[in-house]
């Protein structure tokens, strides 16, 4: 069966190569690669978070550093967090066309977070979903990122407390761009 599958794959590859060669001989342009699929305003909604950041708590305590970069022709934002106490974590952020929402999947030693949402009319990215701790405990979770007039970004996370039936602050970080060369 593997020999038949290999033979079919080789035949298809050969036909594809031959059709490109025939088109070139006839003076036709070779097929062009598809244009990037992540163009449009919605794919830029989270760009205000791109960059190298020093993160502090609202009272000025250093919380850590974060690097947010774009990848995959603008289809993906990758976050790489290093906390002041040597904690680390990473996230993938992307516009999920199936959900028609932005989605973030965060992975760290202590937990994973999977949530989705949109940019609000007032410019705040809001995501909601759940946090799953390594001990098996889960809870509803939400986060927001707000671009401030001074160029900083405020990040605010909350976890739902089923005992008190309220949202508890989990983390608030103030992002300030790292000066070049640091």
C-alpha atoms as a PDB file:
ATOM      1  CA  UNK A   1       0.000   0.000   0.000  1.00  0.00           C
ATOM      2  CA  UNK A   2       2.876   2.378   0.810  1.00  0.00           C
ATOM      3  CA  UNK A   3       4.387   1.756  -2.631  1.00  0.00           C
ATOM      4  CA  UNK A   4       1.085   2.667  -4.317  1.00  0.00           C
ATOM      5  CA  UNK A   5       0.754   5.850  -2.226  1.00  0.00           C
ATOM      6  CA  UNK A   6       4.329   6.824  -3.047  1.00  0.00           C
ATOM      7  CA  UNK A   7       3.728   6.185  -6.741  1.00  0.00           C
ATOM      8  CA  UNK A   8       0.574   8.336  -6.728  1.00  0.00           C
ATOM      9  CA  UNK A   9       2.389  11.155  -4.898  1.00  0.00           C
ATOM     10  CA  UNK A  10       5.269  11.000  -7.398  1.00  0.00           C
ATOM     11  CA  UNK A  11       2.831  11.080 -10.335  1.00  0.00           C
ATOM     12  CA  UNK A  12       0.994  14.123  -8.914  1.00  0.00           C
ATOM     13  CA  UNK A  13       4.279  15.941  -8.248  1.00  0.00           C
ATOM     14  CA  UNK A  14       5.464  15.152 -11.766  1.00  0.00           C
ATOM     15  CA  UNK A  15       2.243  16.451 -13.326  1.00  0.00           C
ATOM     16  CA  UNK A  16       2.432  19.661 -11.297  1.00  0.00           C
ATOM     17  CA  UNK A  17       6.059  20.190 -12.370  1.00  0.00           C
ATOM     18  CA  UNK A  18       5.159  19.476 -16.001  1.00  0.00           C
ATOM     19  CA  UNK A  19       2.261  21.991 -16.001  1.00  0.00           C
ATOM     20  CA  UNK A  20       4.606  24.734 -14.685  1.00  0.00           C
ATOM     21  CA  UNK A  21       7.199  23.832 -17.345  1.00  0.00           C
ATOM     22  CA  UNK A  22       4.497  23.848 -20.080  1.00  0.00           C
ATOM     23  CA  UNK A  23       3.271  27.269 -18.944  1.00  0.00           C
ATOM     24  CA  UNK A  24       6.809  28.666 -19.001  1.00  0.00           C
ATOM     25  CA  UNK A  25       7.426  27.245 -22.518  1.00  0.00           C
ATOM     26  CA  UNK A  26       4.219  28.827 -23.777  1.00  0.00           C
ATOM     27  CA  UNK A  27       5.382  32.193 -22.452  1.00  0.00           C
ATOM     28  CA  UNK A  28       2.832  32.190 -19.646  1.00  0.00           C
ATOM     29  CA  UNK A  29       3.803  33.359 -16.198  1.00  0.00           C
ATOM     30  CA  UNK A  30       4.395  30.622 -13.656  1.00  0.00           C
ATOM     31  CA  UNK A  31       1.733  30.405 -10.946  1.00  0.00           C
ATOM     32  CA  UNK A  32       2.376  32.930  -8.199  1.00  0.00           C
ATOM     33  CA  UNK A  33       2.187  32.120  -4.510  1.00  0.00           C
ATOM     34  CA  UNK A  34      -1.002  33.147  -2.777  1.00  0.00           C
ATOM     35  CA  UNK A  35      -0.895  36.612  -1.187  1.00  0.00           C
ATOM     36  CA  UNK A  36      -0.477  36.761   2.579  1.00  0.00           C
ATOM     37  CA  UNK A  37      -3.726  35.726   4.189  1.00  0.00           C
ATOM     38  CA  UNK A  38      -3.440  37.970   7.250  1.00  0.00           C
ATOM     39  CA  UNK A  39      -3.953  41.377   5.707  1.00  0.00           C
ATOM     40  CA  UNK A  40      -6.582  43.809   6.900  1.00  0.00           C
ATOM     41  CA  UNK A  41      -7.334  45.963   9.889  1.00  0.00           C
ATOM     42  CA  UNK A  42      -8.433  43.132  12.192  1.00  0.00           C
ATOM     43  CA  UNK A  43      -4.967  41.578  11.976  1.00  0.00           C
ATOM     44  CA  UNK A  44      -3.464  44.834  13.283  1.00  0.00           C
ATOM     45  CA  UNK A  45      -5.836  45.185  16.270  1.00  0.00           C
ATOM     46  CA  UNK A  46      -3.254  43.948  18.775  1.00  0.00           C
ATOM     47  CA  UNK A  47      -0.205  45.703  17.235  1.00  0.00           C
ATOM     48  CA  UNK A  48      -0.143  48.276  20.053  1.00  0.00           C
ATOM     49  CA  UNK A  49       1.250  45.473  22.236  1.00  0.00           C
ATOM     50  CA  UNK A  50       4.210  44.729  19.919  1.00  0.00           C
ATOM     51  CA  UNK A  51       7.658  45.549  21.252  1.00  0.00           C
ATOM     52  CA  UNK A  52      10.150  45.060  24.043  1.00  0.00           C
ATOM     53  CA  UNK A  53       8.698  45.952  27.434  1.00  0.00           C
ATOM     54  CA  UNK A  54       9.644  46.565  31.048  1.00  0.00           C
ATOM     55  CA  UNK A  55       6.593  45.619  33.149  1.00  0.00           C
ATOM     56  CA  UNK A  56       5.824  47.029  36.591  1.00  0.00           C
ATOM     57  CA  UNK A  57       2.943  46.741  39.011  1.00  0.00           C
ATOM     58  CA  UNK A  58       0.771  49.856  39.463  1.00  0.00           C
ATOM     59  CA  UNK A  59       2.843  50.791  42.555  1.00  0.00           C
ATOM     60  CA  UNK A  60       6.079  50.718  40.502  1.00  0.00           C
ATOM     61  CA  UNK A  61       7.517  47.336  41.532  1.00  0.00           C
ATOM     62  CA  UNK A  62       9.353  45.552  38.699  1.00  0.00           C
ATOM     63  CA  UNK A  63       7.263  42.573  37.595  1.00  0.00           C
ATOM     64  CA  UNK A  64       9.383  41.439  34.640  1.00  0.00           C
ATOM     65  CA  UNK A  65      10.077  41.909  30.957  1.00  0.00           C
ATOM     66  CA  UNK A  66       8.061  40.909  27.934  1.00  0.00           C
ATOM     67  CA  UNK A  67       8.859  40.617  24.254  1.00  0.00           C
ATOM     68  CA  UNK A  68       5.972  40.660  21.767  1.00  0.00           C
ATOM     69  CA  UNK A  69       6.836  39.948  18.117  1.00  0.00           C
ATOM     70  CA  UNK A  70       4.897  39.322  14.917  1.00  0.00           C
ATOM     71  CA  UNK A  71       5.465  36.129  12.922  1.00  0.00           C
ATOM     72  CA  UNK A  72       3.958  34.043  10.128  1.00  0.00           C
ATOM     73  CA  UNK A  73       3.463  36.967   7.731  1.00  0.00           C
ATOM     74  CA  UNK A  74       1.576  38.954  10.372  1.00  0.00           C
ATOM     75  CA  UNK A  75      -0.751  36.107  11.346  1.00  0.00           C
ATOM     76  CA  UNK A  76       0.733  35.499  14.797  1.00  0.00           C
ATOM     77  CA  UNK A  77       1.910  37.510  17.800  1.00  0.00           C
ATOM     78  CA  UNK A  78       4.349  35.628  20.024  1.00  0.00           C
ATOM     79  CA  UNK A  79       4.802  36.656  23.643  1.00  0.00           C
ATOM     80  CA  UNK A  80       7.877  35.708  25.686  1.00  0.00           C
ATOM     81  CA  UNK A  81       7.574  36.665  29.374  1.00  0.00           C
ATOM     82  CA  UNK A  82      10.310  36.615  32.008  1.00  0.00           C
ATOM     83  CA  UNK A  83       9.176  37.507  35.514  1.00  0.00           C
ATOM     84  CA  UNK A  84      11.276  39.304  38.111  1.00  0.00           C
ATOM     85  CA  UNK A  85      11.339  36.069  40.161  1.00  0.00           C
ATOM     86  CA  UNK A  86      12.596  34.028  37.149  1.00  0.00           C
ATOM     87  CA  UNK A  87       9.133  32.773  36.137  1.00  0.00           C
ATOM     88  CA  UNK A  88       8.604  32.391  32.401  1.00  0.00           C
ATOM     89  CA  UNK A  89       5.723  31.904  30.010  1.00  0.00           C
ATOM     90  CA  UNK A  90       4.820  32.212  26.360  1.00  0.00           C
ATOM     91  CA  UNK A  91       1.690  32.865  24.392  1.00  0.00           C
ATOM     92  CA  UNK A  92       0.459  32.619  20.843  1.00  0.00           C
ATOM     93  CA  UNK A  93      -2.005  35.332  19.861  1.00  0.00           C
ATOM     94  CA  UNK A  94      -3.904  35.173  16.585  1.00  0.00           C
ATOM     95  CA  UNK A  95      -7.112  36.211  14.899  1.00  0.00           C
ATOM     96  CA  UNK A  96      -9.215  33.057  14.767  1.00  0.00           C
ATOM     97  CA  UNK A  97     -11.398  33.353  11.668  1.00  0.00           C
ATOM     98  CA  UNK A  98     -13.574  30.445  12.839  1.00  0.00           C
ATOM     99  CA  UNK A  99     -14.448  32.309  16.055  1.00  0.00           C
ATOM    100  CA  UNK A 100     -14.267  35.785  14.473  1.00  0.00           C
ATOM    101  CA  UNK A 101     -12.231  36.756  17.548  1.00  0.00           C
ATOM    102  CA  UNK A 102      -8.681  37.220  18.725  1.00  0.00           C
ATOM    103  CA  UNK A 103      -7.442  34.233  20.697  1.00  0.00           C
ATOM    104  CA  UNK A 104      -4.562  33.813  23.120  1.00  0.00           C
ATOM    105  CA  UNK A 105      -3.133  30.506  24.295  1.00  0.00           C
ATOM    106  CA  UNK A 106      -0.733  31.038  27.219  1.00  0.00           C
ATOM    107  CA  UNK A 107       1.559  28.304  28.520  1.00  0.00           C
ATOM    108  CA  UNK A 108       3.671  28.512  31.666  1.00  0.00           C
ATOM    109  CA  UNK A 109       5.016  26.089  34.232  1.00  0.00           C
ATOM    110  CA  UNK A 110       2.065  26.691  36.587  1.00  0.00           C
ATOM    111  CA  UNK A 111      -0.911  27.011  34.261  1.00  0.00           C
ATOM    112  CA  UNK A 112      -2.365  27.404  30.790  1.00  0.00           C
ATOM    113  CA  UNK A 113      -4.855  30.063  29.751  1.00  0.00           C
ATOM    114  CA  UNK A 114      -7.069  29.873  26.678  1.00  0.00           C
ATOM    115  CA  UNK A 115      -9.305  32.827  25.940  1.00  0.00           C
ATOM    116  CA  UNK A 116     -10.757  34.849  23.089  1.00  0.00           C
ATOM    117  CA  UNK A 117     -12.288  38.252  22.416  1.00  0.00           C
ATOM    118  CA  UNK A 118     -12.089  41.456  20.437  1.00  0.00           C
ATOM    119  CA  UNK A 119     -10.880  45.015  20.379  1.00  0.00           C
ATOM    120  CA  UNK A 120     -13.597  47.209  21.870  1.00  0.00           C
ATOM    121  CA  UNK A 121     -14.744  50.510  20.399  1.00  0.00           C
ATOM    122  CA  UNK A 122     -12.673  52.342  23.035  1.00  0.00           C
ATOM    123  CA  UNK A 123      -9.476  50.523  21.965  1.00  0.00           C
ATOM    124  CA  UNK A 124      -9.219  47.902  24.701  1.00  0.00           C
ATOM    125  CA  UNK A 125      -8.440  44.299  23.764  1.00  0.00           C
ATOM    126  CA  UNK A 126     -10.666  42.083  25.958  1.00  0.00           C
ATOM    127  CA  UNK A 127     -10.376  38.304  26.102  1.00  0.00           C
ATOM    128  CA  UNK A 128     -12.402  35.804  28.153  1.00  0.00           C
ATOM    129  CA  UNK A 129     -11.961  32.075  28.688  1.00  0.00           C
ATOM    130  CA  UNK A 130     -10.438  29.882  31.350  1.00  0.00           C
ATOM    131  CA  UNK A 131      -7.274  29.229  33.289  1.00  0.00           C
ATOM    132  CA  UNK A 132      -6.212  25.636  33.960  1.00  0.00           C
ATOM    133  CA  UNK A 133      -3.706  25.084  36.748  1.00  0.00           C
ATOM    134  CA  UNK A 134      -1.369  22.074  36.695  1.00  0.00           C
ATOM    135  CA  UNK A 135      -3.124  20.626  39.778  1.00  0.00           C
ATOM    136  CA  UNK A 136      -6.326  20.219  37.731  1.00  0.00           C
ATOM    137  CA  UNK A 137      -8.168  23.277  39.058  1.00  0.00           C
ATOM    138  CA  UNK A 138      -9.830  25.511  36.446  1.00  0.00           C
ATOM    139  CA  UNK A 139     -11.625  28.837  36.640  1.00  0.00           C
ATOM    140  CA  UNK A 140     -13.130  31.445  34.324  1.00  0.00           C
ATOM    141  CA  UNK A 141     -10.489  34.013  33.430  1.00  0.00           C
ATOM    142  CA  UNK A 142     -10.398  37.336  31.608  1.00  0.00           C
ATOM    143  CA  UNK A 143      -7.787  39.812  30.497  1.00  0.00           C
ATOM    144  CA  UNK A 144      -7.654  43.277  29.002  1.00  0.00           C
ATOM    145  CA  UNK A 145      -4.910  45.317  27.334  1.00  0.00           C
ATOM    146  CA  UNK A 146      -5.322  49.079  26.995  1.00  0.00           C
ATOM    147  CA  UNK A 147      -3.049  51.352  24.988  1.00  0.00           C
ATOM    148  CA  UNK A 148      -2.444  54.526  27.002  1.00  0.00           C
ATOM    149  CA  UNK A 149      -1.815  58.060  25.660  1.00  0.00           C
ATOM    150  CA  UNK A 150       1.816  58.014  26.888  1.00  0.00           C
ATOM    151  CA  UNK A 151       2.609  54.879  24.808  1.00  0.00           C
ATOM    152  CA  UNK A 152       2.397  52.473  27.739  1.00  0.00           C
ATOM    153  CA  UNK A 153      -0.003  49.530  27.857  1.00  0.00           C
ATOM    154  CA  UNK A 154      -2.038  48.503  30.899  1.00  0.00           C
ATOM    155  CA  UNK A 155      -2.676  44.773  31.226  1.00  0.00           C
ATOM    156  CA  UNK A 156      -5.314  43.614  33.718  1.00  0.00           C
ATOM    157  CA  UNK A 157      -6.185  39.987  34.517  1.00  0.00           C
ATOM    158  CA  UNK A 158      -9.044  38.706  36.654  1.00  0.00           C
ATOM    159  CA  UNK A 159     -10.054  35.224  37.784  1.00  0.00           C
ATOM    160  CA  UNK A 160     -13.585  34.299  38.789  1.00  0.00           C
ATOM    161  CA  UNK A 161     -13.961  33.223  42.421  1.00  0.00           C
ATOM    162  CA  UNK A 162     -16.856  30.746  42.658  1.00  0.00           C
ATOM    163  CA  UNK A 163     -16.915  30.951  46.456  1.00  0.00           C
ATOM    164  CA  UNK A 164     -17.574  34.697  46.525  1.00  0.00           C
ATOM    165  CA  UNK A 165     -19.178  34.797  43.047  1.00  0.00           C
ATOM    166  CA  UNK A 166     -16.963  37.729  42.110  1.00  0.00           C
ATOM    167  CA  UNK A 167     -14.052  38.563  39.845  1.00  0.00           C
ATOM    168  CA  UNK A 168     -10.758  38.842  41.741  1.00  0.00           C
ATOM    169  CA  UNK A 169      -7.785  40.801  40.416  1.00  0.00           C
ATOM    170  CA  UNK A 170      -5.089  38.322  39.384  1.00  0.00           C
ATOM    171  CA  UNK A 171      -2.432  40.660  37.948  1.00  0.00           C
ATOM    172  CA  UNK A 172      -2.145  44.241  36.734  1.00  0.00           C
ATOM    173  CA  UNK A 173       0.926  45.254  34.770  1.00  0.00           C
ATOM    174  CA  UNK A 174       2.029  48.568  33.332  1.00  0.00           C
ATOM    175  CA  UNK A 175       4.066  48.052  30.151  1.00  0.00           C
ATOM    176  CA  UNK A 176       6.667  50.663  29.250  1.00  0.00           C
ATOM    177  CA  UNK A 177       8.881  50.294  26.202  1.00  0.00           C
ATOM    178  CA  UNK A 178      12.446  49.248  26.915  1.00  0.00           C
ATOM    179  CA  UNK A 179      14.888  51.951  25.741  1.00  0.00           C
ATOM    180  CA  UNK A 180      16.902  50.890  22.672  1.00  0.00           C
ATOM    181  CA  UNK A 181      20.036  48.966  23.548  1.00  0.00           C
ATOM    182  CA  UNK A 182      18.846  47.585  26.873  1.00  0.00           C
END
